[in-house]
Amino acid sequence: MIKGKTRRNTYRAIYRLLDRVTPVPFDCGTICGAACCRTDDPDRMGLYLLPGEEKIHDRRDPWLTWQLQSTDEYDFPPSWHGHVCYVNCEGPEHCRRSLRPIQCRTFPLKPVLVPAGETPPFPIVYREAGCELALTWQDEELPYCCPLIESAARLDPAFLRATYTVWKHLIRDPLIRDLVERG
């Protein structure tokens, strides 16, 4: 398993912070049928846990299915060696919201690093002055349409600040920073 520098207690604190916020002041799944949580299509939605994030999960908990995937077989940063955890949710009706992975909690945003003074070729949704970290819309190809991304929805300011704070802390871990730099 790939080992990052982010500790179990740090992940717990991050989860608690993100428990308090949501992208919009209502369940956005009501406008898209929880498309990002559906597992009933052949592409079966899932995501990778960040290095060390698996420490706060119980692999026997039935709401997630687990796979270990080799960093050599997928497009991970060169600094990543070993295996990473790929998880699939068993669907929104089984979701343990308090245990949702970070990349689920911060969707539809993704962190990017943009040198100060540089204008990126994509829209910045949130950034603090003088910091290279910025948040932009998730741009990976998805097997569904996210209404928040498509409409460039106005996201809750508390969600933006919390998400930014989380990623600002996480990129202190060299492995996570490498992942964010890779885009």
N, C-alpha and C. Protein backbone atom coordinates (compact mmCIF):
# COMPACT_ATOMS: atom_id res chain seq x y z
N MET A 1 0.85 -1.18 0.00
CA MET A 1 0.00 0.00 0.00
C MET A 1 0.89 1.24 0.00
N ILE A 2 0.55 2.20 -0.82
CA ILE A 2 1.31 3.44 -0.88
C ILE A 2 1.14 4.20 0.45
N LYS A 3 2.22 4.70 0.97
CA LYS A 3 2.22 5.37 2.27
C LYS A 3 2.49 6.85 2.10
N GLY A 4 1.54 7.65 2.49
CA GLY A 4 1.73 9.09 2.47
C GLY A 4 2.08 9.59 3.86
N LYS A 5 2.28 10.88 3.97
CA LYS A 5 2.62 11.48 5.27
C LYS A 5 1.39 11.94 6.04
N THR A 6 0.24 11.94 5.41
CA THR A 6 -0.97 12.39 6.08
C THR A 6 -1.43 11.32 7.06
N ARG A 7 -1.61 11.72 8.30
CA ARG A 7 -1.92 10.77 9.37
C ARG A 7 -3.41 10.52 9.50
N ARG A 8 -3.71 9.43 10.16
CA ARG A 8 -5.10 9.01 10.40
C ARG A 8 -5.91 10.12 11.10
N ASN A 9 -5.34 10.73 12.12
CA ASN A 9 -6.05 11.79 12.84
C ASN A 9 -6.29 13.01 11.96
N THR A 10 -5.36 13.27 11.04
CA THR A 10 -5.55 14.38 10.11
C THR A 10 -6.74 14.09 9.20
N TYR A 11 -6.81 12.86 8.68
CA TYR A 11 -7.95 12.50 7.84
C TYR A 11 -9.26 12.61 8.63
N ARG A 12 -9.25 12.19 9.86
CA ARG A 12 -10.47 12.31 10.68
C ARG A 12 -10.89 13.77 10.84
N ALA A 13 -9.93 14.65 11.09
CA ALA A 13 -10.23 16.07 11.22
C ALA A 13 -10.77 16.65 9.91
N ILE A 14 -10.17 16.23 8.80
CA ILE A 14 -10.63 16.67 7.49
C ILE A 14 -12.07 16.21 7.25
N TYR A 15 -12.36 14.96 7.57
CA TYR A 15 -13.72 14.44 7.40
C TYR A 15 -14.70 15.25 8.25
N ARG A 16 -14.32 15.57 9.49
CA ARG A 16 -15.22 16.36 10.35
C ARG A 16 -15.48 17.74 9.76
N LEU A 17 -14.44 18.38 9.24
CA LEU A 17 -14.61 19.69 8.62
C LEU A 17 -15.55 19.61 7.42
N LEU A 18 -15.33 18.61 6.58
CA LEU A 18 -16.16 18.48 5.38
C LEU A 18 -17.56 17.97 5.67
N ASP A 19 -17.78 17.38 6.86
CA ASP A 19 -19.13 16.97 7.26
C ASP A 19 -20.07 18.17 7.39
N ARG A 20 -19.50 19.33 7.63
CA ARG A 20 -20.30 20.53 7.92
C ARG A 20 -20.74 21.31 6.69
N VAL A 21 -20.25 20.90 5.51
CA VAL A 21 -20.52 21.69 4.31
C VAL A 21 -20.98 20.81 3.16
N THR A 22 -21.69 21.43 2.22
CA THR A 22 -22.11 20.77 0.98
C THR A 22 -21.98 21.81 -0.14
N PRO A 23 -21.85 21.34 -1.38
CA PRO A 23 -21.66 22.29 -2.49
C PRO A 23 -22.80 23.30 -2.64
N VAL A 24 -24.02 22.87 -2.44
CA VAL A 24 -25.19 23.73 -2.54
C VAL A 24 -26.08 23.48 -1.32
N PRO A 25 -26.98 24.38 -1.01
CA PRO A 25 -27.76 24.23 0.23
C PRO A 25 -28.90 23.21 0.16
N PHE A 26 -28.83 22.30 -0.78
CA PHE A 26 -29.82 21.23 -0.90
C PHE A 26 -29.12 20.00 -1.44
N ASP A 27 -29.77 18.88 -1.44
CA ASP A 27 -29.19 17.65 -1.95
C ASP A 27 -29.14 17.74 -3.47
N CYS A 28 -27.94 17.97 -4.02
CA CYS A 28 -27.82 18.14 -5.47
C CYS A 28 -28.18 16.85 -6.21
N GLY A 29 -28.18 15.73 -5.53
CA GLY A 29 -28.59 14.46 -6.14
C GLY A 29 -30.04 14.45 -6.57
N THR A 30 -30.83 15.37 -6.02
CA THR A 30 -32.24 15.43 -6.42
C THR A 30 -32.42 15.96 -7.84
N ILE A 31 -31.43 16.68 -8.37
CA ILE A 31 -31.58 17.22 -9.72
C ILE A 31 -30.98 16.32 -10.79
N CYS A 32 -30.21 15.33 -10.38
CA CYS A 32 -29.59 14.44 -11.38
C CYS A 32 -29.81 12.97 -11.06
N GLY A 33 -30.63 12.68 -10.07
CA GLY A 33 -30.85 11.28 -9.69
C GLY A 33 -29.61 10.66 -9.05
N ALA A 34 -28.83 11.47 -8.35
CA ALA A 34 -27.60 11.02 -7.69
C ALA A 34 -26.67 10.30 -8.68
N ALA A 35 -26.51 10.90 -9.85
CA ALA A 35 -25.73 10.28 -10.92
C ALA A 35 -24.31 9.91 -10.49
N CYS A 36 -23.67 10.74 -9.67
CA CYS A 36 -22.29 10.45 -9.29
C CYS A 36 -22.20 9.32 -8.27
N CYS A 37 -23.31 8.89 -7.73
CA CYS A 37 -23.32 7.81 -6.73
C CYS A 37 -23.89 6.51 -7.27
N ARG A 38 -24.35 6.51 -8.48
CA ARG A 38 -25.01 5.31 -9.03
C ARG A 38 -24.02 4.24 -9.39
N THR A 39 -24.36 3.02 -9.09
CA THR A 39 -23.50 1.89 -9.43
C THR A 39 -24.21 0.91 -10.35
N ASP A 40 -25.37 1.29 -10.86
CA ASP A 40 -26.15 0.35 -11.65
C ASP A 40 -25.85 0.40 -13.15
N ASP A 41 -24.79 1.12 -13.52
CA ASP A 41 -24.41 1.10 -14.93
C ASP A 41 -23.10 0.33 -15.08
N PRO A 42 -22.76 -0.09 -16.30
CA PRO A 42 -21.57 -0.93 -16.50
C PRO A 42 -20.26 -0.24 -16.12
N ASP A 43 -20.23 1.08 -16.15
CA ASP A 43 -18.99 1.79 -15.81
C ASP A 43 -18.75 1.87 -14.31
N ARG A 44 -19.75 1.52 -13.54
CA ARG A 44 -19.69 1.49 -12.09
C ARG A 44 -18.76 2.57 -11.51
N MET A 45 -19.36 3.58 -10.96
CA MET A 45 -18.60 4.70 -10.43
C MET A 45 -17.75 4.28 -9.23
N GLY A 46 -16.58 4.85 -9.16
CA GLY A 46 -15.69 4.61 -8.04
C GLY A 46 -14.62 5.68 -8.02
N LEU A 47 -13.78 5.61 -7.01
CA LEU A 47 -12.69 6.57 -6.91
C LEU A 47 -11.54 6.00 -6.12
N TYR A 48 -10.41 6.64 -6.27
CA TYR A 48 -9.21 6.24 -5.55
C TYR A 48 -9.15 6.97 -4.23
N LEU A 49 -8.75 6.26 -3.19
CA LEU A 49 -8.49 6.90 -1.91
C LEU A 49 -7.11 7.54 -1.99
N LEU A 50 -6.96 8.63 -1.28
CA LEU A 50 -5.66 9.29 -1.22
C LEU A 50 -4.71 8.44 -0.36
N PRO A 51 -3.40 8.61 -0.54
CA PRO A 51 -2.45 7.83 0.26
C PRO A 51 -2.72 7.96 1.76
N GLY A 52 -2.96 6.84 2.40
CA GLY A 52 -3.22 6.81 3.84
C GLY A 52 -4.69 6.96 4.21
N GLU A 53 -5.52 7.36 3.28
CA GLU A 53 -6.94 7.58 3.59
C GLU A 53 -7.63 6.27 3.97
N GLU A 54 -7.12 5.15 3.49
CA GLU A 54 -7.73 3.86 3.80
C GLU A 54 -7.67 3.55 5.29
N LYS A 55 -6.79 4.22 6.03
CA LYS A 55 -6.62 3.96 7.47
C LYS A 55 -7.88 4.23 8.28
N ILE A 56 -8.76 5.07 7.78
CA ILE A 56 -9.94 5.39 8.57
C ILE A 56 -11.18 4.62 8.11
N HIS A 57 -10.98 3.68 7.22
CA HIS A 57 -12.09 2.87 6.73
C HIS A 57 -11.94 1.42 7.18
N ASP A 58 -13.06 0.75 7.31
CA ASP A 58 -13.08 -0.66 7.64
C ASP A 58 -13.45 -1.40 6.36
N ARG A 59 -12.52 -2.17 5.84
CA ARG A 59 -12.75 -2.87 4.57
C ARG A 59 -13.88 -3.90 4.66
N ARG A 60 -14.28 -4.25 5.86
CA ARG A 60 -15.39 -5.21 6.01
C ARG A 60 -16.75 -4.52 5.96
N ASP A 61 -16.74 -3.20 6.00
CA ASP A 61 -17.99 -2.44 5.96
C ASP A 61 -18.61 -2.62 4.57
N PRO A 62 -19.86 -3.13 4.49
CA PRO A 62 -20.42 -3.52 3.19
C PRO A 62 -20.87 -2.38 2.27
N TRP A 63 -20.80 -1.13 2.66
CA TRP A 63 -21.27 -0.06 1.78
C TRP A 63 -20.25 0.28 0.69
N LEU A 64 -19.01 -0.18 0.86
CA LEU A 64 -17.97 0.02 -0.16
C LEU A 64 -17.41 -1.32 -0.58
N THR A 65 -17.08 -1.44 -1.87
CA THR A 65 -16.30 -2.59 -2.31
C THR A 65 -14.90 -2.06 -2.63
N TRP A 66 -13.92 -2.88 -2.39
CA TRP A 66 -12.52 -2.47 -2.46
C TRP A 66 -11.76 -3.26 -3.52
N GLN A 67 -10.84 -2.57 -4.17
CA GLN A 67 -9.87 -3.21 -5.06
C GLN A 67 -8.52 -2.56 -4.79
N LEU A 68 -7.48 -3.36 -4.82
CA LEU A 68 -6.13 -2.81 -4.79
C LEU A 68 -5.64 -2.76 -6.23
N GLN A 69 -5.14 -1.60 -6.63
CA GLN A 69 -4.65 -1.45 -7.99
C GLN A 69 -3.21 -0.99 -7.97
N SER A 70 -2.43 -1.54 -8.87
CA SER A 70 -1.02 -1.23 -8.94
C SER A 70 -0.81 0.15 -9.56
N THR A 71 0.07 0.91 -8.95
CA THR A 71 0.38 2.23 -9.50
C THR A 71 1.12 2.12 -10.83
N ASP A 72 1.68 0.95 -11.12
CA ASP A 72 2.37 0.73 -12.39
C ASP A 72 1.39 0.56 -13.56
N GLU A 73 0.17 0.12 -13.26
CA GLU A 73 -0.80 -0.18 -14.31
C GLU A 73 -1.71 0.98 -14.65
N TYR A 74 -1.70 2.01 -13.84
CA TYR A 74 -2.58 3.15 -14.05
C TYR A 74 -1.76 4.43 -14.07
N ASP A 75 -2.37 5.54 -14.44
CA ASP A 75 -1.66 6.80 -14.63
C ASP A 75 -1.51 7.56 -13.31
N PHE A 76 -0.56 7.12 -12.49
CA PHE A 76 -0.27 7.80 -11.24
C PHE A 76 1.06 8.51 -11.35
N PRO A 77 1.32 9.46 -10.48
CA PRO A 77 2.62 10.14 -10.51
C PRO A 77 3.78 9.15 -10.33
N PRO A 78 4.93 9.45 -10.91
CA PRO A 78 6.08 8.55 -10.78
C PRO A 78 6.51 8.30 -9.33
N SER A 79 6.19 9.22 -8.43
CA SER A 79 6.57 9.05 -7.02
C SER A 79 5.70 8.01 -6.31
N TRP A 80 4.62 7.58 -6.94
CA TRP A 80 3.71 6.61 -6.32
C TRP A 80 4.17 5.21 -6.69
N HIS A 81 4.51 4.43 -5.69
CA HIS A 81 4.96 3.06 -5.90
C HIS A 81 4.16 2.12 -5.01
N GLY A 82 3.65 1.07 -5.59
CA GLY A 82 2.90 0.08 -4.81
C GLY A 82 1.46 -0.02 -5.28
N HIS A 83 0.56 -0.09 -4.32
CA HIS A 83 -0.86 -0.25 -4.62
C HIS A 83 -1.67 0.86 -3.99
N VAL A 84 -2.76 1.22 -4.66
CA VAL A 84 -3.72 2.20 -4.14
C VAL A 84 -5.07 1.52 -4.03
N CYS A 85 -5.90 2.08 -3.17
CA CYS A 85 -7.25 1.54 -2.97
C CYS A 85 -8.22 2.23 -3.90
N TYR A 86 -8.96 1.43 -4.63
CA TYR A 86 -10.05 1.92 -5.48
C TYR A 86 -11.33 1.41 -4.84
N VAL A 87 -12.27 2.31 -4.57
CA VAL A 87 -13.51 1.91 -3.90
C VAL A 87 -14.73 2.25 -4.75
N ASN A 88 -15.73 1.40 -4.65
CA ASN A 88 -17.03 1.62 -5.28
C ASN A 88 -18.07 1.67 -4.18
N CYS A 89 -18.94 2.66 -4.27
CA CYS A 89 -20.05 2.77 -3.33
C CYS A 89 -21.17 1.85 -3.80
N GLU A 90 -21.87 1.29 -2.87
CA GLU A 90 -22.99 0.40 -3.21
C GLU A 90 -24.27 1.18 -3.52
N GLY A 91 -24.18 2.47 -3.68
CA GLY A 91 -25.32 3.30 -4.07
C GLY A 91 -25.73 4.25 -2.97
N PRO A 92 -26.43 5.33 -3.33
CA PRO A 92 -26.78 6.38 -2.37
C PRO A 92 -27.62 5.86 -1.20
N GLU A 93 -28.42 4.84 -1.43
CA GLU A 93 -29.25 4.33 -0.34
C GLU A 93 -28.42 3.60 0.72
N HIS A 94 -27.17 3.27 0.41
CA HIS A 94 -26.28 2.58 1.36
C HIS A 94 -25.16 3.49 1.87
N CYS A 95 -25.13 4.72 1.38
CA CYS A 95 -24.02 5.63 1.68
C CYS A 95 -23.88 5.90 3.18
N ARG A 96 -22.67 5.80 3.65
CA ARG A 96 -22.33 6.21 5.01
C ARG A 96 -21.71 7.59 4.87
N ARG A 97 -22.55 8.61 4.86
CA ARG A 97 -22.09 9.97 4.56
C ARG A 97 -20.90 10.41 5.39
N SER A 98 -20.86 10.00 6.65
CA SER A 98 -19.75 10.41 7.52
C SER A 98 -18.44 9.75 7.13
N LEU A 99 -18.47 8.77 6.25
CA LEU A 99 -17.26 8.07 5.82
C LEU A 99 -16.94 8.25 4.34
N ARG A 100 -17.69 9.13 3.67
CA ARG A 100 -17.40 9.35 2.25
C ARG A 100 -15.96 9.81 2.06
N PRO A 101 -15.29 9.26 1.05
CA PRO A 101 -13.90 9.67 0.78
C PRO A 101 -13.80 11.15 0.40
N ILE A 102 -12.62 11.69 0.57
CA ILE A 102 -12.38 13.12 0.33
C ILE A 102 -12.76 13.52 -1.08
N GLN A 103 -12.41 12.72 -2.07
CA GLN A 103 -12.70 13.12 -3.44
C GLN A 103 -14.20 13.10 -3.73
N CYS A 104 -14.96 12.35 -2.98
CA CYS A 104 -16.42 12.40 -3.08
C CYS A 104 -16.94 13.68 -2.42
N ARG A 105 -16.39 14.00 -1.27
CA ARG A 105 -16.84 15.15 -0.50
C ARG A 105 -16.54 16.48 -1.18
N THR A 106 -15.46 16.54 -1.95
CA THR A 106 -15.07 17.81 -2.56
C THR A 106 -15.53 17.95 -4.01
N PHE A 107 -16.17 16.92 -4.55
CA PHE A 107 -16.74 16.98 -5.89
C PHE A 107 -17.84 18.04 -5.89
N PRO A 108 -17.97 18.86 -6.89
CA PRO A 108 -17.48 18.78 -8.27
C PRO A 108 -16.20 19.57 -8.52
N LEU A 109 -15.45 19.83 -7.46
CA LEU A 109 -14.22 20.60 -7.63
C LEU A 109 -13.00 19.70 -7.64
N LYS A 110 -11.94 20.23 -8.22
CA LYS A 110 -10.65 19.54 -8.13
C LYS A 110 -9.58 20.60 -7.86
N PRO A 111 -8.56 20.21 -7.12
CA PRO A 111 -7.47 21.14 -6.83
C PRO A 111 -6.48 21.18 -8.00
N VAL A 112 -5.94 22.35 -8.25
CA VAL A 112 -4.89 22.53 -9.25
C VAL A 112 -3.85 23.48 -8.67
N LEU A 113 -2.65 23.41 -9.19
CA LEU A 113 -1.59 24.33 -8.79
C LEU A 113 -1.29 25.26 -9.96
N VAL A 114 -1.42 26.55 -9.70
CA VAL A 114 -1.20 27.57 -10.72
C VAL A 114 -0.23 28.59 -10.14
N PRO A 115 0.94 28.72 -10.73
CA PRO A 115 1.90 29.71 -10.20
C PRO A 115 1.27 31.10 -10.11
N ALA A 116 1.60 31.81 -9.04
CA ALA A 116 1.08 33.16 -8.83
C ALA A 116 1.37 34.02 -10.06
N GLY A 117 0.39 34.79 -10.49
CA GLY A 117 0.55 35.67 -11.63
C GLY A 117 0.27 35.02 -12.97
N GLU A 118 0.11 33.70 -12.97
CA GLU A 118 -0.16 32.98 -14.22
C GLU A 118 -1.67 32.85 -14.41
N THR A 119 -2.11 32.99 -15.65
CA THR A 119 -3.53 32.82 -15.96
C THR A 119 -3.74 31.42 -16.54
N PRO A 120 -4.51 30.60 -15.85
CA PRO A 120 -4.72 29.23 -16.33
C PRO A 120 -5.71 29.19 -17.49
N PRO A 121 -5.69 28.12 -18.29
CA PRO A 121 -6.60 27.99 -19.42
C PRO A 121 -7.97 27.42 -19.02
N PHE A 122 -8.28 27.45 -17.75
CA PHE A 122 -9.55 26.91 -17.25
C PHE A 122 -10.08 27.87 -16.19
N PRO A 123 -11.38 27.81 -15.91
CA PRO A 123 -11.94 28.73 -14.92
C PRO A 123 -11.53 28.36 -13.49
N ILE A 124 -11.14 29.36 -12.75
CA ILE A 124 -10.84 29.18 -11.33
C ILE A 124 -12.14 29.44 -10.57
N VAL A 125 -12.54 28.50 -9.75
CA VAL A 125 -13.77 28.64 -8.97
C VAL A 125 -13.46 29.31 -7.63
N TYR A 126 -12.27 29.01 -7.08
CA TYR A 126 -11.89 29.60 -5.80
C TYR A 126 -10.37 29.59 -5.67
N ARG A 127 -9.85 30.69 -5.14
CA ARG A 127 -8.41 30.80 -4.90
C ARG A 127 -8.18 31.91 -3.90
N GLU A 128 -7.19 31.73 -3.05
CA GLU A 128 -6.81 32.79 -2.12
C GLU A 128 -5.61 33.54 -2.70
N ALA A 129 -5.59 34.81 -2.46
CA ALA A 129 -4.52 35.66 -3.01
C ALA A 129 -3.15 35.15 -2.59
N GLY A 130 -2.24 35.14 -3.55
CA GLY A 130 -0.86 34.79 -3.29
C GLY A 130 -0.59 33.30 -3.12
N CYS A 131 -1.57 32.48 -3.35
CA CYS A 131 -1.39 31.03 -3.17
C CYS A 131 -1.47 30.34 -4.53
N GLU A 132 -0.61 29.36 -4.74
CA GLU A 132 -0.63 28.64 -6.01
C GLU A 132 -1.79 27.66 -6.11
N LEU A 133 -2.36 27.25 -4.98
CA LEU A 133 -3.48 26.33 -5.00
C LEU A 133 -4.74 27.05 -5.47
N ALA A 134 -5.47 26.39 -6.35
CA ALA A 134 -6.75 26.91 -6.82
C ALA A 134 -7.71 25.73 -6.95
N LEU A 135 -8.98 26.04 -6.94
CA LEU A 135 -10.01 25.03 -7.18
C LEU A 135 -10.68 25.34 -8.51
N THR A 136 -10.86 24.31 -9.31
CA THR A 136 -11.54 24.45 -10.59
C THR A 136 -12.59 23.35 -10.68
N TRP A 137 -13.37 23.36 -11.73
CA TRP A 137 -14.37 22.32 -11.94
C TRP A 137 -13.70 21.00 -12.31
N GLN A 138 -14.21 19.93 -11.80
CA GLN A 138 -13.75 18.60 -12.19
C GLN A 138 -13.86 18.48 -13.71
N ASP A 139 -12.80 18.06 -14.37
CA ASP A 139 -12.84 18.01 -15.83
C ASP A 139 -12.59 16.62 -16.39
N GLU A 140 -12.57 15.61 -15.52
CA GLU A 140 -12.42 14.25 -16.03
C GLU A 140 -13.67 13.86 -16.80
N GLU A 141 -13.48 12.98 -17.77
CA GLU A 141 -14.62 12.48 -18.52
C GLU A 141 -15.48 11.63 -17.59
N LEU A 142 -16.74 11.97 -17.50
CA LEU A 142 -17.68 11.27 -16.63
C LEU A 142 -18.74 10.57 -17.46
N PRO A 143 -19.26 9.46 -16.96
CA PRO A 143 -20.32 8.77 -17.71
C PRO A 143 -21.71 9.36 -17.46
N TYR A 144 -21.76 10.58 -16.97
CA TYR A 144 -23.01 11.26 -16.69
C TYR A 144 -22.75 12.76 -16.79
N CYS A 145 -23.81 13.51 -16.71
CA CYS A 145 -23.71 14.97 -16.75
C CYS A 145 -23.97 15.50 -15.34
N CYS A 146 -23.04 16.26 -14.80
CA CYS A 146 -23.24 16.88 -13.49
C CYS A 146 -23.84 18.27 -13.71
N PRO A 147 -25.07 18.49 -13.25
CA PRO A 147 -25.69 19.81 -13.44
C PRO A 147 -24.92 20.96 -12.80
N LEU A 148 -24.22 20.69 -11.72
CA LEU A 148 -23.45 21.76 -11.07
C LEU A 148 -22.30 22.20 -11.96
N ILE A 149 -21.62 21.24 -12.58
CA ILE A 149 -20.51 21.57 -13.48
C ILE A 149 -21.03 22.23 -14.75
N GLU A 150 -22.06 21.62 -15.34
CA GLU A 150 -22.60 22.13 -16.61
C GLU A 150 -23.10 23.56 -16.50
N SER A 151 -23.68 23.91 -15.38
CA SER A 151 -24.22 25.26 -15.22
C SER A 151 -23.25 26.21 -14.53
N ALA A 152 -22.07 25.69 -14.17
CA ALA A 152 -21.12 26.48 -13.37
C ALA A 152 -21.85 27.10 -12.19
N ALA A 153 -22.54 26.24 -11.46
CA ALA A 153 -23.39 26.67 -10.35
C ALA A 153 -22.63 27.49 -9.32
N ARG A 154 -23.34 28.38 -8.68
CA ARG A 154 -22.76 29.14 -7.58
C ARG A 154 -22.71 28.20 -6.38
N LEU A 155 -21.51 27.89 -5.93
CA LEU A 155 -21.35 26.96 -4.82
C LEU A 155 -21.32 27.72 -3.49
N ASP A 156 -21.74 27.03 -2.45
CA ASP A 156 -21.79 27.62 -1.12
C ASP A 156 -20.40 28.11 -0.70
N PRO A 157 -20.28 29.37 -0.28
CA PRO A 157 -18.97 29.90 0.11
C PRO A 157 -18.30 29.09 1.24
N ALA A 158 -19.07 28.56 2.17
CA ALA A 158 -18.49 27.74 3.25
C ALA A 158 -17.90 26.45 2.68
N PHE A 159 -18.56 25.86 1.68
CA PHE A 159 -18.03 24.67 1.01
C PHE A 159 -16.72 25.01 0.30
N LEU A 160 -16.69 26.12 -0.39
CA LEU A 160 -15.47 26.53 -1.10
C LEU A 160 -14.31 26.72 -0.13
N ARG A 161 -14.54 27.43 0.96
CA ARG A 161 -13.47 27.68 1.93
C ARG A 161 -12.99 26.38 2.58
N ALA A 162 -13.94 25.52 2.97
CA ALA A 162 -13.56 24.25 3.61
C ALA A 162 -12.79 23.37 2.64
N THR A 163 -13.26 23.27 1.41
CA THR A 163 -12.58 22.45 0.41
C THR A 163 -11.18 22.97 0.15
N TYR A 164 -11.05 24.28 0.05
CA TYR A 164 -9.74 24.89 -0.16
C TYR A 164 -8.81 24.62 1.01
N THR A 165 -9.31 24.79 2.22
CA THR A 165 -8.52 24.52 3.43
C THR A 165 -8.02 23.09 3.45
N VAL A 166 -8.90 22.16 3.11
CA VAL A 166 -8.55 20.74 3.10
C VAL A 166 -7.42 20.48 2.10
N TRP A 167 -7.59 20.94 0.86
CA TRP A 167 -6.56 20.67 -0.15
C TRP A 167 -5.27 21.42 0.15
N LYS A 168 -5.37 22.59 0.74
CA LYS A 168 -4.18 23.34 1.12
C LYS A 168 -3.36 22.53 2.13
N HIS A 169 -4.05 21.88 3.04
CA HIS A 169 -3.36 21.03 4.01
C HIS A 169 -2.84 19.75 3.35
N LEU A 170 -3.68 19.12 2.53
CA LEU A 170 -3.30 17.84 1.94
C LEU A 170 -2.08 17.93 1.02
N ILE A 171 -1.92 19.04 0.30
CA ILE A 171 -0.78 19.12 -0.62
C ILE A 171 0.55 19.29 0.11
N ARG A 172 0.52 19.36 1.43
CA ARG A 172 1.78 19.32 2.20
C ARG A 172 2.39 17.92 2.15
N ASP A 173 1.55 16.93 1.87
CA ASP A 173 2.03 15.55 1.70
C ASP A 173 2.60 15.48 0.29
N PRO A 174 3.89 15.16 0.13
CA PRO A 174 4.51 15.15 -1.21
C PRO A 174 3.79 14.26 -2.22
N LEU A 175 3.25 13.13 -1.79
CA LEU A 175 2.56 12.24 -2.73
C LEU A 175 1.26 12.87 -3.23
N ILE A 176 0.54 13.52 -2.34
CA ILE A 176 -0.72 14.16 -2.74
C ILE A 176 -0.42 15.38 -3.61
N ARG A 177 0.62 16.11 -3.26
CA ARG A 177 1.02 17.25 -4.09
C ARG A 177 1.36 16.78 -5.51
N ASP A 178 2.10 15.67 -5.60
CA ASP A 178 2.44 15.14 -6.92
C ASP A 178 1.18 14.79 -7.71
N LEU A 179 0.17 14.25 -7.04
CA LEU A 179 -1.09 13.91 -7.70
C LEU A 179 -1.78 15.18 -8.21
N VAL A 180 -1.83 16.20 -7.38
CA VAL A 180 -2.48 17.47 -7.78
C VAL A 180 -1.70 18.11 -8.92
N GLU A 181 -0.38 18.10 -8.85
CA GLU A 181 0.43 18.67 -9.94
C GLU A 181 0.19 17.95 -11.26
N ARG A 182 -0.02 16.64 -11.16
CA ARG A 182 -0.24 15.84 -12.37
C ARG A 182 -1.58 16.19 -13.03
N GLY A 183 -2.50 16.70 -12.23
CA GLY A 183 -3.79 17.13 -12.75
C GLY A 183 -4.71 16.02 -12.96
